[in-house]
PDB file of N, CA and C in Angstrom:
ATOM      1  N   MET A   1      36.645 -11.763 -64.558  1.00  0.00           N
ATOM      2  CA  MET A   1      37.732 -11.008 -63.982  1.00  0.00           C
ATOM      3  C   MET A   1      37.795  -9.612 -64.581  1.00  0.00           C
ATOM      4  N   PHE A   2      37.595  -9.480 -65.885  1.00  0.00           N
ATOM      5  CA  PHE A   2      37.692  -8.179 -66.521  1.00  0.00           C
ATOM      6  C   PHE A   2      36.321  -7.583 -66.828  1.00  0.00           C
ATOM      7  N   SER A   3      35.263  -8.160 -66.259  1.00  0.00           N
ATOM      8  CA  SER A   3      33.919  -7.726 -66.626  1.00  0.00           C
ATOM      9  C   SER A   3      33.671  -6.260 -66.343  1.00  0.00           C
ATOM     10  N   ARG A   4      34.292  -5.706 -65.308  1.00  0.00           N
ATOM     11  CA  ARG A   4      34.107  -4.289 -65.013  1.00  0.00           C
ATOM     12  C   ARG A   4      34.788  -3.406 -66.041  1.00  0.00           C
ATOM     13  N   LEU A   5      35.742  -3.929 -66.756  1.00  0.00           N
ATOM     14  CA  LEU A   5      36.469  -3.121 -67.729  1.00  0.00           C
ATOM     15  C   LEU A   5      35.720  -2.984 -69.036  1.00  0.00           C
ATOM     16  N   ILE A   6      34.626  -3.720 -69.167  1.00  0.00           N
ATOM     17  CA  ILE A   6      33.823  -3.592 -70.376  1.00  0.00           C
ATOM     18  C   ILE A   6      32.939  -2.363 -70.201  1.00  0.00           C
ATOM     19  N   GLY A   7      33.048  -1.450 -71.090  1.00  0.00           N
ATOM     20  CA  GLY A   7      32.274  -0.223 -71.000  1.00  0.00           C
ATOM     21  C   GLY A   7      32.717   0.713 -72.086  1.00  0.00           C
ATOM     22  N   ASN A   8      32.167   1.893 -72.095  1.00  0.00           N
ATOM     23  CA  ASN A   8      32.483   2.835 -73.140  1.00  0.00           C
ATOM     24  C   ASN A   8      33.638   3.717 -72.696  1.00  0.00           C
ATOM     25  N   ALA A   9      34.776   3.537 -73.309  1.00  0.00           N
ATOM     26  CA  ALA A   9      36.005   4.227 -72.903  1.00  0.00           C
ATOM     27  C   ALA A   9      36.231   5.482 -73.732  1.00  0.00           C
ATOM     28  N   THR A  10      36.793   6.492 -73.073  1.00  0.00           N
ATOM     29  CA  THR A  10      37.126   7.755 -73.707  1.00  0.00           C
ATOM     30  C   THR A  10      38.633   7.948 -73.669  1.00  0.00           C
ATOM     31  N   LYS A  11      39.206   8.423 -74.765  1.00  0.00           N
ATOM     32  CA  LYS A  11      40.648   8.626 -74.845  1.00  0.00           C
ATOM     33  C   LYS A  11      41.096   9.659 -73.813  1.00  0.00           C
ATOM     34  N   MET A  12      42.244   9.371 -73.161  1.00  0.00           N
ATOM     35  CA  MET A  12      42.823  10.254 -72.150  1.00  0.00           C
ATOM     36  C   MET A  12      44.075  10.932 -72.684  1.00  0.00           C
ATOM     37  N   ASN A  13      44.445  11.999 -72.062  1.00  0.00           N
ATOM     38  CA  ASN A  13      45.711  12.663 -72.304  1.00  0.00           C
ATOM     39  C   ASN A  13      46.809  11.786 -71.686  1.00  0.00           C
ATOM     40  N   ASN A  14      47.883  11.517 -72.416  1.00  0.00           N
ATOM     41  CA  ASN A  14      48.963  10.646 -71.918  1.00  0.00           C
ATOM     42  C   ASN A  14      49.632  11.204 -70.667  1.00  0.00           C
ATOM     43  N   LYS A  15      49.745  12.529 -70.555  1.00  0.00           N
ATOM     44  CA  LYS A  15      50.355  13.128 -69.371  1.00  0.00           C
ATOM     45  C   LYS A  15      49.509  12.869 -68.128  1.00  0.00           C
ATOM     46  N   ASP A  16      48.182  12.952 -68.268  1.00  0.00           N
ATOM     47  CA  ASP A  16      47.287  12.677 -67.138  1.00  0.00           C
ATOM     48  C   ASP A  16      47.376  11.208 -66.728  1.00  0.00           C
ATOM     49  N   ALA A  17      47.414  10.315 -67.715  1.00  0.00           N
ATOM     50  CA  ALA A  17      47.519   8.888 -67.425  1.00  0.00           C
ATOM     51  C   ALA A  17      48.845   8.566 -66.744  1.00  0.00           C
ATOM     52  N   THR A  18      49.927   9.194 -67.196  1.00  0.00           N
ATOM     53  CA  THR A  18      51.241   8.981 -66.582  1.00  0.00           C
ATOM     54  C   THR A  18      51.218   9.436 -65.129  1.00  0.00           C
ATOM     55  N   LYS A  19      50.595  10.548 -64.863  1.00  0.00           N
ATOM     56  CA  LYS A  19      50.479  11.060 -63.488  1.00  0.00           C
ATOM     57  C   LYS A  19      49.680  10.080 -62.618  1.00  0.00           C
ATOM     58  N   ASP A  20      48.569   9.560 -63.157  1.00  0.00           N
ATOM     59  CA  ASP A  20      47.734   8.606 -62.409  1.00  0.00           C
ATOM     60  C   ASP A  20      48.467   7.302 -62.115  1.00  0.00           C
ATOM     61  N   LEU A  21      49.395   6.908 -62.991  1.00  0.00           N
ATOM     62  CA  LEU A  21      50.075   5.614 -62.865  1.00  0.00           C
ATOM     63  C   LEU A  21      51.550   5.750 -62.480  1.00  0.00           C
ATOM     64  N   LYS A  22      51.932   6.887 -61.919  1.00  0.00           N
ATOM     65  CA  LYS A  22      53.343   7.136 -61.633  1.00  0.00           C
ATOM     66  C   LYS A  22      53.981   6.068 -60.752  1.00  0.00           C
ATOM     67  N   ASN A  23      53.228   5.431 -59.873  1.00  0.00           N
ATOM     68  CA  ASN A  23      53.774   4.393 -58.991  1.00  0.00           C
ATOM     69  C   ASN A  23      53.726   2.994 -59.608  1.00  0.00           C
ATOM     70  N   ILE A  24      53.100   2.866 -60.766  1.00  0.00           N
ATOM     71  CA  ILE A  24      52.955   1.566 -61.428  1.00  0.00           C
ATOM     72  C   ILE A  24      53.940   1.415 -62.579  1.00  0.00           C
ATOM     73  N   LEU A  25      54.207   2.499 -63.268  1.00  0.00           N
ATOM     74  CA  LEU A  25      55.110   2.447 -64.416  1.00  0.00           C
ATOM     75  C   LEU A  25      56.555   2.260 -63.960  1.00  0.00           C
ATOM     76  N   ILE A  26      57.323   1.506 -64.739  1.00  0.00           N
ATOM     77  CA  ILE A  26      58.722   1.286 -64.398  1.00  0.00           C
ATOM     78  C   ILE A  26      59.606   2.237 -65.211  1.00  0.00           C
ATOM     79  N   ASP A  27      60.872   2.307 -64.835  1.00  0.00           N
ATOM     80  CA  ASP A  27      61.815   3.166 -65.553  1.00  0.00           C
ATOM     81  C   ASP A  27      61.837   2.804 -67.032  1.00  0.00           C
ATOM     82  N   GLY A  28      61.724   3.803 -67.864  1.00  0.00           N
ATOM     83  CA  GLY A  28      61.752   3.585 -69.306  1.00  0.00           C
ATOM     84  C   GLY A  28      60.407   3.238 -69.916  1.00  0.00           C
ATOM     85  N   GLU A  29      59.390   3.034 -69.102  1.00  0.00           N
ATOM     86  CA  GLU A  29      58.066   2.703 -69.627  1.00  0.00           C
ATOM     87  C   GLU A  29      57.335   3.994 -69.989  1.00  0.00           C
ATOM     88  N   VAL A  30      56.807   4.018 -71.199  1.00  0.00           N
ATOM     89  CA  VAL A  30      56.149   5.209 -71.721  1.00  0.00           C
ATOM     90  C   VAL A  30      54.728   4.855 -72.154  1.00  0.00           C
ATOM     91  N   ILE A  31      53.773   5.683 -71.766  1.00  0.00           N
ATOM     92  CA  ILE A  31      52.389   5.470 -72.193  1.00  0.00           C
ATOM     93  C   ILE A  31      52.243   5.925 -73.638  1.00  0.00           C
ATOM     94  N   GLU A  32      51.714   5.020 -74.456  1.00  0.00           N
ATOM     95  CA  GLU A  32      51.486   5.312 -75.868  1.00  0.00           C
ATOM     96  C   GLU A  32      50.053   5.781 -76.109  1.00  0.00           C
ATOM     97  N   LEU A  33      49.107   5.181 -75.363  1.00  0.00           N
ATOM     98  CA  LEU A  33      47.691   5.461 -75.567  1.00  0.00           C
ATOM     99  C   LEU A  33      46.949   5.067 -74.302  1.00  0.00           C
ATOM    100  N   ALA A  34      45.991   5.882 -73.873  1.00  0.00           N
ATOM    101  CA  ALA A  34      45.259   5.599 -72.639  1.00  0.00           C
ATOM    102  C   ALA A  34      43.786   5.954 -72.796  1.00  0.00           C
ATOM    103  N   PHE A  35      42.949   5.167 -72.126  1.00  0.00           N
ATOM    104  CA  PHE A  35      41.504   5.380 -72.139  1.00  0.00           C
ATOM    105  C   PHE A  35      40.977   5.305 -70.715  1.00  0.00           C
ATOM    106  N   ARG A  36      39.917   6.051 -70.447  1.00  0.00           N
ATOM    107  CA  ARG A  36      39.238   5.978 -69.156  1.00  0.00           C
ATOM    108  C   ARG A  36      37.850   5.396 -69.399  1.00  0.00           C
ATOM    109  N   VAL A  37      37.473   4.444 -68.518  1.00  0.00           N
ATOM    110  CA  VAL A  37      36.144   3.843 -68.533  1.00  0.00           C
ATOM    111  C   VAL A  37      35.555   4.141 -67.160  1.00  0.00           C
ATOM    112  N   VAL A  38      34.783   5.198 -67.050  1.00  0.00           N
ATOM    113  CA  VAL A  38      34.265   5.702 -65.784  1.00  0.00           C
ATOM    114  C   VAL A  38      35.455   5.954 -64.853  1.00  0.00           C
ATOM    115  N   ARG A  39      35.712   5.069 -63.862  1.00  0.00           N
ATOM    116  CA  ARG A  39      36.870   5.248 -62.975  1.00  0.00           C
ATOM    117  C   ARG A  39      38.047   4.365 -63.396  1.00  0.00           C
ATOM    118  N   ASP A  40      37.801   3.383 -64.236  1.00  0.00           N
ATOM    119  CA  ASP A  40      38.830   2.430 -64.659  1.00  0.00           C
ATOM    120  C   ASP A  40      39.649   3.002 -65.814  1.00  0.00           C
ATOM    121  N   MET A  41      40.788   2.353 -66.082  1.00  0.00           N
ATOM    122  CA  MET A  41      41.655   2.794 -67.173  1.00  0.00           C
ATOM    123  C   MET A  41      42.134   1.609 -68.006  1.00  0.00           C
ATOM    124  N   ILE A  42      42.325   1.854 -69.279  1.00  0.00           N
ATOM    125  CA  ILE A  42      42.971   0.919 -70.191  1.00  0.00           C
ATOM    126  C   ILE A  42      44.156   1.682 -70.771  1.00  0.00           C
ATOM    127  N   VAL A  43      45.346   1.133 -70.604  1.00  0.00           N
ATOM    128  CA  VAL A  43      46.558   1.845 -71.009  1.00  0.00           C
ATOM    129  C   VAL A  43      47.441   0.923 -71.835  1.00  0.00           C
ATOM    130  N   PHE A  44      47.972   1.463 -72.922  1.00  0.00           N
ATOM    131  CA  PHE A  44      48.941   0.757 -73.744  1.00  0.00           C
ATOM    132  C   PHE A  44      50.263   1.491 -73.585  1.00  0.00           C
ATOM    133  N   THR A  45      51.276   0.792 -73.056  1.00  0.00           N
ATOM    134  CA  THR A  45      52.603   1.392 -72.914  1.00  0.00           C
ATOM    135  C   THR A  45      53.528   0.761 -73.947  1.00  0.00           C
ATOM    136  N   ASN A  46      54.785   1.102 -73.892  1.00  0.00           N
ATOM    137  CA  ASN A  46      55.754   0.475 -74.777  1.00  0.00           C
ATOM    138  C   ASN A  46      56.113  -0.939 -74.313  1.00  0.00           C
ATOM    139  N   LEU A  47      55.627  -1.370 -73.137  1.00  0.00           N
ATOM    140  CA  LEU A  47      55.958  -2.690 -72.594  1.00  0.00           C
ATOM    141  C   LEU A  47      54.759  -3.626 -72.413  1.00  0.00           C
ATOM    142  N   ARG A  48      53.557  -3.061 -72.228  1.00  0.00           N
ATOM    143  CA  ARG A  48      52.415  -3.901 -71.856  1.00  0.00           C
ATOM    144  C   ARG A  48      51.100  -3.170 -72.065  1.00  0.00           C
ATOM    145  N   ALA A  49      50.040  -3.970 -71.993  1.00  0.00           N
ATOM    146  CA  ALA A  49      48.690  -3.420 -71.873  1.00  0.00           C
ATOM    147  C   ALA A  49      48.365  -3.482 -70.386  1.00  0.00           C
ATOM    148  N   LEU A  50      47.841  -2.415 -69.863  1.00  0.00           N
ATOM    149  CA  LEU A  50      47.591  -2.309 -68.427  1.00  0.00           C
ATOM    150  C   LEU A  50      46.138  -1.936 -68.212  1.00  0.00           C
ATOM    151  N   PHE A  51      45.454  -2.732 -67.403  1.00  0.00           N
ATOM    152  CA  PHE A  51      44.058  -2.488 -67.078  1.00  0.00           C
ATOM    153  C   PHE A  51      43.978  -2.162 -65.591  1.00  0.00           C
ATOM    154  N   CYS A  52      43.451  -1.003 -65.267  1.00  0.00           N
ATOM    155  CA  CYS A  52      43.310  -0.585 -63.881  1.00  0.00           C
ATOM    156  C   CYS A  52      41.834  -0.639 -63.526  1.00  0.00           C
ATOM    157  N   ASP A  53      41.495  -1.499 -62.580  1.00  0.00           N
ATOM    158  CA  ASP A  53      40.121  -1.694 -62.129  1.00  0.00           C
ATOM    159  C   ASP A  53      39.976  -1.030 -60.766  1.00  0.00           C
ATOM    160  N   VAL A  54      39.243   0.083 -60.708  1.00  0.00           N
ATOM    161  CA  VAL A  54      39.012   0.785 -59.449  1.00  0.00           C
ATOM    162  C   VAL A  54      37.798   0.156 -58.792  1.00  0.00           C
ATOM    163  N   ALA A  55      38.007  -0.392 -57.590  1.00  0.00           N
ATOM    164  CA  ALA A  55      36.949  -1.136 -56.902  1.00  0.00           C
ATOM    165  C   ALA A  55      36.476  -0.384 -55.662  1.00  0.00           C
ATOM    166  N   GLY A  56      35.311  -0.752 -55.205  1.00  0.00           N
ATOM    167  CA  GLY A  56      34.785  -0.196 -53.963  1.00  0.00           C
ATOM    168  C   GLY A  56      34.130   1.159 -54.140  1.00  0.00           C
ATOM    169  N   VAL A  57      33.390   1.545 -53.134  1.00  0.00           N
ATOM    170  CA  VAL A  57      32.669   2.805 -53.169  1.00  0.00           C
ATOM    171  C   VAL A  57      33.619   3.995 -53.136  1.00  0.00           C
ATOM    172  N   THR A  58      34.660   3.909 -52.342  1.00  0.00           N
ATOM    173  CA  THR A  58      35.586   5.035 -52.185  1.00  0.00           C
ATOM    174  C   THR A  58      36.582   5.132 -53.331  1.00  0.00           C
ATOM    175  N   GLY A  59      36.809   4.049 -54.038  1.00  0.00           N
ATOM    176  CA  GLY A  59      37.770   4.044 -55.128  1.00  0.00           C
ATOM    177  C   GLY A  59      39.211   3.925 -54.681  1.00  0.00           C
ATOM    178  N   ARG A  60      39.411   3.658 -53.393  1.00  0.00           N
ATOM    179  CA  ARG A  60      40.787   3.522 -52.895  1.00  0.00           C
ATOM    180  C   ARG A  60      41.409   2.189 -53.285  1.00  0.00           C
ATOM    181  N   LYS A  61      40.582   1.171 -53.443  1.00  0.00           N
ATOM    182  CA  LYS A  61      41.098  -0.139 -53.833  1.00  0.00           C
ATOM    183  C   LYS A  61      41.235  -0.173 -55.356  1.00  0.00           C
ATOM    184  N   LYS A  62      42.432  -0.506 -55.813  1.00  0.00           N
ATOM    185  CA  LYS A  62      42.694  -0.589 -57.248  1.00  0.00           C
ATOM    186  C   LYS A  62      43.328  -1.936 -57.556  1.00  0.00           C
ATOM    187  N   ILE A  63      42.870  -2.538 -58.623  1.00  0.00           N
ATOM    188  CA  ILE A  63      43.425  -3.814 -59.086  1.00  0.00           C
ATOM    189  C   ILE A  63      44.057  -3.549 -60.452  1.00  0.00           C
ATOM    190  N   TYR A  64      45.324  -3.888 -60.576  1.00  0.00           N
ATOM    191  CA  TYR A  64      46.051  -3.667 -61.825  1.00  0.00           C
ATOM    192  C   TYR A  64      46.288  -5.008 -62.507  1.00  0.00           C
ATOM    193  N   HIS A  65      45.887  -5.093 -63.769  1.00  0.00           N
ATOM    194  CA  HIS A  65      46.125  -6.281 -64.587  1.00  0.00           C
ATOM    195  C   HIS A  65      47.143  -5.884 -65.648  1.00  0.00           C
ATOM    196  N   SER A  66      48.316  -6.462 -65.557  1.00  0.00           N
ATOM    197  CA  SER A  66      49.395  -6.150 -66.479  1.00  0.00           C
ATOM    198  C   SER A  66      49.536  -7.300 -67.467  1.00  0.00           C
ATOM    199  N   ILE A  67      49.414  -6.998 -68.745  1.00  0.00           N
ATOM    200  CA  ILE A  67      49.475  -8.031 -69.777  1.00  0.00           C
ATOM    201  C   ILE A  67      50.623  -7.707 -70.719  1.00  0.00           C
ATOM    202  N   PRO A  68      51.734  -8.439 -70.602  1.00  0.00           N
ATOM    203  CA  PRO A  68      52.837  -8.223 -71.545  1.00  0.00           C
ATOM    204  C   PRO A  68      52.355  -8.523 -72.966  1.00  0.00           C
ATOM    205  N   TYR A  69      52.819  -7.763 -73.917  1.00  0.00           N
ATOM    206  CA  TYR A  69      52.379  -7.952 -75.304  1.00  0.00           C
ATOM    207  C   TYR A  69      52.642  -9.360 -75.811  1.00  0.00           C
ATOM    208  N   ARG A  70      53.699 -10.003 -75.315  1.00  0.00           N
ATOM    209  CA  ARG A  70      54.002 -11.367 -75.772  1.00  0.00           C
ATOM    210  C   ARG A  70      52.927 -12.366 -75.356  1.00  0.00           C
ATOM    211  N   SER A  71      52.056 -11.993 -74.385  1.00  0.00           N
ATOM    212  CA  SER A  71      50.981 -12.866 -73.924  1.00  0.00           C
ATOM    213  C   SER A  71      49.707 -12.729 -74.745  1.00  0.00           C
ATOM    214  N   ILE A  72      49.671 -11.726 -75.609  1.00  0.00           N
ATOM    215  CA  ILE A  72      48.490 -11.518 -76.449  1.00  0.00           C
ATOM    216  C   ILE A  72      48.660 -12.345 -77.713  1.00  0.00           C
ATOM    217  N   GLY A  73      47.773 -13.332 -77.898  1.00  0.00           N
ATOM    218  CA  GLY A  73      47.841 -14.201 -79.065  1.00  0.00           C
ATOM    219  C   GLY A  73      47.377 -13.492 -80.328  1.00  0.00           C
ATOM    220  N   HIS A  74      46.255 -12.814 -80.237  1.00  0.00           N
ATOM    221  CA  HIS A  74      45.773 -12.004 -81.345  1.00  0.00           C
ATOM    222  C   HIS A  74      44.740 -11.007 -80.825  1.00  0.00           C
ATOM    223  N   PHE A  75      44.327 -10.111 -81.691  1.00  0.00           N
ATOM    224  CA  PHE A  75      43.356  -9.103 -81.302  1.00  0.00           C
ATOM    225  C   PHE A  75      42.414  -8.845 -82.462  1.00  0.00           C
ATOM    226  N   SER A  76      41.264  -8.259 -82.141  1.00  0.00           N
ATOM    227  CA  SER A  76      40.357  -7.804 -83.190  1.00  0.00           C
ATOM    228  C   SER A  76      39.832  -6.436 -82.804  1.00  0.00           C
ATOM    229  N   ILE A  77      39.621  -5.628 -83.813  1.00  0.00           N
ATOM    230  CA  ILE A  77      39.039  -4.313 -83.632  1.00  0.00           C
ATOM    231  C   ILE A  77      37.902  -4.202 -84.624  1.00  0.00           C
ATOM    232  N   GLU A  78      36.702  -4.021 -84.086  1.00  0.00           N
ATOM    233  CA  GLU A  78      35.524  -3.874 -84.937  1.00  0.00           C
ATOM    234  C   GLU A  78      35.196  -2.392 -85.012  1.00  0.00           C
ATOM    235  N   THR A  79      35.291  -1.850 -86.217  1.00  0.00           N
ATOM    236  CA  THR A  79      35.046  -0.422 -86.374  1.00  0.00           C
ATOM    237  C   THR A  79      33.551  -0.149 -86.439  1.00  0.00           C
ATOM    238  N   ALA A  80      33.219   1.095 -86.249  1.00  0.00           N
ATOM    239  CA  ALA A  80      31.822   1.511 -86.246  1.00  0.00           C
ATOM    240  C   ALA A  80      31.225   1.393 -87.640  1.00  0.00           C
ATOM    241  N   GLY A  81      29.970   0.958 -87.674  1.00  0.00           N
ATOM    242  CA  GLY A  81      29.234   0.905 -88.929  1.00  0.00           C
ATOM    243  C   GLY A  81      28.513   2.223 -89.154  1.00  0.00           C
ATOM    244  N   SER A  82      27.596   2.224 -90.084  1.00  0.00           N
ATOM    245  CA  SER A  82      26.881   3.457 -90.421  1.00  0.00           C
ATOM    246  C   SER A  82      26.122   4.045 -89.236  1.00  0.00           C
ATOM    247  N   PHE A  83      25.459   3.178 -88.471  1.00  0.00           N
ATOM    248  CA  PHE A  83      24.634   3.668 -87.372  1.00  0.00           C
ATOM    249  C   PHE A  83      25.286   3.481 -86.013  1.00  0.00           C
ATOM    250  N   GLU A  84      26.441   2.849 -85.960  1.00  0.00           N
ATOM    251  CA  GLU A  84      27.142   2.624 -84.702  1.00  0.00           C
ATOM    252  C   GLU A  84      28.185   3.706 -84.520  1.00  0.00           C
ATOM    253  N   ARG A  85      28.448   4.046 -83.264  1.00  0.00           N
ATOM    254  CA  ARG A  85      29.370   5.146 -82.998  1.00  0.00           C
ATOM    255  C   ARG A  85      30.631   4.693 -82.288  1.00  0.00           C
ATOM    256  N   ASP A  86      30.732   3.414 -81.964  1.00  0.00           N
ATOM    257  CA  ASP A  86      31.824   2.964 -81.122  1.00  0.00           C
ATOM    258  C   ASP A  86      32.671   1.889 -81.795  1.00  0.00           C
ATOM    259  N   ILE A  87      33.814   1.596 -81.151  1.00  0.00           N
ATOM    260  CA  ILE A  87      34.768   0.614 -81.632  1.00  0.00           C
ATOM    261  C   ILE A  87      34.849  -0.496 -80.586  1.00  0.00           C
ATOM    262  N   ASP A  88      34.779  -1.747 -81.020  1.00  0.00           N
ATOM    263  CA  ASP A  88      34.915  -2.877 -80.102  1.00  0.00           C
ATOM    264  C   ASP A  88      36.322  -3.445 -80.221  1.00  0.00           C
ATOM    265  N   LEU A  89      37.011  -3.543 -79.074  1.00  0.00           N
ATOM    266  CA  LEU A  89      38.357  -4.089 -79.010  1.00  0.00           C
ATOM    267  C   LEU A  89      38.314  -5.411 -78.265  1.00  0.00           C
ATOM    268  N   LYS A  90      38.941  -6.445 -78.823  1.00  0.00           N
ATOM    269  CA  LYS A  90      39.047  -7.747 -78.168  1.00  0.00           C
ATOM    270  C   LYS A  90      40.507  -8.189 -78.192  1.00  0.00           C
ATOM    271  N   LEU A  91      41.005  -8.584 -77.016  1.00  0.00           N
ATOM    272  CA  LEU A  91      42.367  -9.111 -76.894  1.00  0.00           C
ATOM    273  C   LEU A  91      42.282 -10.548 -76.406  1.00  0.00           C
ATOM    274  N   TRP A  92      42.865 -11.479 -77.146  1.00  0.00           N
ATOM    275  CA  TRP A  92      42.927 -12.866 -76.715  1.00  0.00           C
ATOM    276  C   TRP A  92      44.264 -13.080 -76.021  1.00  0.00           C
ATOM    277  N   VAL A  93      44.197 -13.322 -74.727  1.00  0.00           N
ATOM    278  CA  VAL A  93      45.390 -13.480 -73.905  1.00  0.00           C
ATOM    279  C   VAL A  93      45.594 -14.964 -73.625  1.00  0.00           C
ATOM    280  N   ARG A  94      46.817 -15.421 -73.818  1.00  0.00           N
ATOM    281  CA  ARG A  94      47.130 -16.828 -73.545  1.00  0.00           C
ATOM    282  C   ARG A  94      46.802 -17.150 -72.095  1.00  0.00           C
ATOM    283  N   GLY A  95      46.119 -18.257 -71.881  1.00  0.00           N
ATOM    284  CA  GLY A  95      45.752 -18.678 -70.536  1.00  0.00           C
ATOM    285  C   GLY A  95      44.336 -18.298 -70.140  1.00  0.00           C
ATOM    286  N   LEU A  96      43.684 -17.438 -70.918  1.00  0.00           N
ATOM    287  CA  LEU A  96      42.302 -17.071 -70.643  1.00  0.00           C
ATOM    288  C   LEU A  96      41.399 -17.686 -71.697  1.00  0.00           C
ATOM    289  N   ASP A  97      40.244 -18.175 -71.269  1.00  0.00           N
ATOM    290  CA  ASP A  97      39.306 -18.804 -72.202  1.00  0.00           C
ATOM    291  C   ASP A  97      38.572 -17.796 -73.084  1.00  0.00           C
ATOM    292  N   GLU A  98      38.280 -16.646 -72.531  1.00  0.00           N
ATOM    293  CA  GLU A  98      37.527 -15.621 -73.248  1.00  0.00           C
ATOM    294  C   GLU A  98      38.413 -14.400 -73.497  1.00  0.00           C
ATOM    295  N   PRO A  99      38.144 -13.669 -74.570  1.00  0.00           N
ATOM    296  CA  PRO A  99      38.934 -12.454 -74.820  1.00  0.00           C
ATOM    297  C   PRO A  99      38.569 -11.355 -73.822  1.00  0.00           C
ATOM    298  N   ILE A 100      39.479 -10.442 -73.622  1.00  0.00           N
ATOM    299  CA  ILE A 100      39.204  -9.229 -72.868  1.00  0.00           C
ATOM    300  C   ILE A 100      38.562  -8.274 -73.864  1.00  0.00           C
ATOM    301  N   GLU A 101      37.411  -7.735 -73.499  1.00  0.00           N
ATOM    302  CA  GLU A 101      36.678  -6.885 -74.415  1.00  0.00           C
ATOM    303  C   GLU A 101      36.476  -5.497 -73.823  1.00  0.00           C
ATOM    304  N   SER A 102      36.487  -4.514 -74.693  1.00  0.00           N
ATOM    305  CA  SER A 102      36.169  -3.155 -74.275  1.00  0.00           C
ATOM    306  C   SER A 102      35.564  -2.417 -75.448  1.00  0.00           C
ATOM    307  N   GLU A 103      34.664  -1.511 -75.130  1.00  0.00           N
ATOM    308  CA  GLU A 103      34.042  -0.665 -76.142  1.00  0.00           C
ATOM    309  C   GLU A 103      34.646   0.724 -76.009  1.00  0.00           C
ATOM    310  N   LEU A 104      35.197   1.208 -77.091  1.00  0.00           N
ATOM    311  CA  LEU A 104      35.866   2.511 -77.090  1.00  0.00           C
ATOM    312  C   LEU A 104      35.065   3.493 -77.920  1.00  0.00           C
ATOM    313  N   LYS A 105      35.012   4.721 -77.455  1.00  0.00           N
ATOM    314  CA  LYS A 105      34.314   5.739 -78.233  1.00  0.00           C
ATOM    315  C   LYS A 105      35.071   6.020 -79.512  1.00  0.00           C
ATOM    316  N   LYS A 106      34.316   6.144 -80.589  1.00  0.00           N
ATOM    317  CA  LYS A 106      34.903   6.461 -81.889  1.00  0.00           C
ATOM    318  C   LYS A 106      35.467   7.871 -81.837  1.00  0.00           C
ATOM    319  N   GLY A 107      36.596   8.032 -82.442  1.00  0.00           N
ATOM    320  CA  GLY A 107      37.137   9.377 -82.481  1.00  0.00           C
ATOM    321  C   GLY A 107      38.503   9.409 -83.126  1.00  0.00           C
ATOM    322  N   GLY A 108      38.666  10.283 -84.067  1.00  0.00           N
ATOM    323  CA  GLY A 108      39.971  10.495 -84.680  1.00  0.00           C
ATOM    324  C   GLY A 108      40.581   9.238 -85.260  1.00  0.00           C
ATOM    325  N   LYS A 109      41.835   9.029 -84.921  1.00  0.00           N
ATOM    326  CA  LYS A 109      42.592   7.906 -85.471  1.00  0.00           C
ATOM    327  C   LYS A 109      42.716   6.776 -84.459  1.00  0.00           C
ATOM    328  N   THR A 110      41.745   6.636 -83.566  1.00  0.00           N
ATOM    329  CA  THR A 110      41.832   5.654 -82.483  1.00  0.00           C
ATOM    330  C   THR A 110      42.098   4.245 -82.985  1.00  0.00           C
ATOM    331  N   VAL A 111      41.380   3.795 -83.990  1.00  0.00           N
ATOM    332  CA  VAL A 111      41.549   2.435 -84.509  1.00  0.00           C
ATOM    333  C   VAL A 111      42.969   2.238 -85.025  1.00  0.00           C
ATOM    334  N   LEU A 112      43.450   3.190 -85.783  1.00  0.00           N
ATOM    335  CA  LEU A 112      44.805   3.083 -86.325  1.00  0.00           C
ATOM    336  C   LEU A 112      45.850   3.123 -85.220  1.00  0.00           C
ATOM    337  N   GLU A 113      45.631   3.952 -84.205  1.00  0.00           N
ATOM    338  CA  GLU A 113      46.580   4.050 -83.095  1.00  0.00           C
ATOM    339  C   GLU A 113      46.664   2.741 -82.317  1.00  0.00           C
ATOM    340  N   ILE A 114      45.519   2.140 -82.026  1.00  0.00           N
ATOM    341  CA  ILE A 114      45.501   0.873 -81.280  1.00  0.00           C
ATOM    342  C   ILE A 114      46.188  -0.213 -82.089  1.00  0.00           C
ATOM    343  N   GLN A 115      45.841  -0.325 -83.358  1.00  0.00           N
ATOM    344  CA  GLN A 115      46.458  -1.349 -84.203  1.00  0.00           C
ATOM    345  C   GLN A 115      47.964  -1.142 -84.309  1.00  0.00           C
ATOM    346  N   ARG A 116      48.389   0.097 -84.478  1.00  0.00           N
ATOM    347  CA  ARG A 116      49.810   0.397 -84.603  1.00  0.00           C
ATOM    348  C   ARG A 116      50.571  -0.042 -83.356  1.00  0.00           C
ATOM    349  N   ILE A 117      50.027   0.278 -82.196  1.00  0.00           N
ATOM    350  CA  ILE A 117      50.687  -0.069 -80.936  1.00  0.00           C
ATOM    351  C   ILE A 117      50.735  -1.580 -80.755  1.00  0.00           C
ATOM    352  N   LEU A 118      49.611  -2.251 -80.960  1.00  0.00           N
ATOM    353  CA  LEU A 118      49.586  -3.704 -80.767  1.00  0.00           C
ATOM    354  C   LEU A 118      50.526  -4.398 -81.747  1.00  0.00           C
ATOM    355  N   LEU A 119      50.499  -4.010 -83.006  1.00  0.00           N
ATOM    356  CA  LEU A 119      51.374  -4.648 -83.996  1.00  0.00           C
ATOM    357  C   LEU A 119      52.845  -4.333 -83.734  1.00  0.00           C
ATOM    358  N   LYS A 120      53.120  -3.146 -83.268  1.00  0.00           N
ATOM    359  CA  LYS A 120      54.498  -2.753 -82.992  1.00  0.00           C
ATOM    360  C   LYS A 120      55.116  -3.587 -81.889  1.00  0.00           C
ATOM    361  N   TYR A 121      54.344  -3.913 -80.856  1.00  0.00           N
ATOM    362  CA  TYR A 121      54.909  -4.554 -79.662  1.00  0.00           C
ATOM    363  C   TYR A 121      54.589  -6.025 -79.499  1.00  0.00           C
ATOM    364  N   MET A 122      53.620  -6.546 -80.235  1.00  0.00           N
ATOM    365  CA  MET A 122      53.259  -7.968 -80.055  1.00  0.00           C
ATOM    366  C   MET A 122      54.351  -8.898 -80.565  1.00  0.00           C
TER     367      MET A 122
END
């Protein structure tokens, strides 16, 4: 189900992500951190983790997977080693047999930001 979301994600500007998701976000929901994976998005808000899967050749079809933080049992973040440049994120969601995985580009305080958000809201 989430296989298309596995890829190398780049951090997005929160204002751009908010604009892209203006019809999906509810009143009072604020984007804390957002990533783009080619056409797809991974977004952490103050209420949920949101995965946007852009399907089809035209990109008009979009599938949104909304995961409330209370549904995340645990997570792991594997930081880059000496020769690796990326961060591996895994979320274990109740009801799914396998974790949701994504590879994020290393940069700045990304690991600390993701951990802070997940720990704050889980």
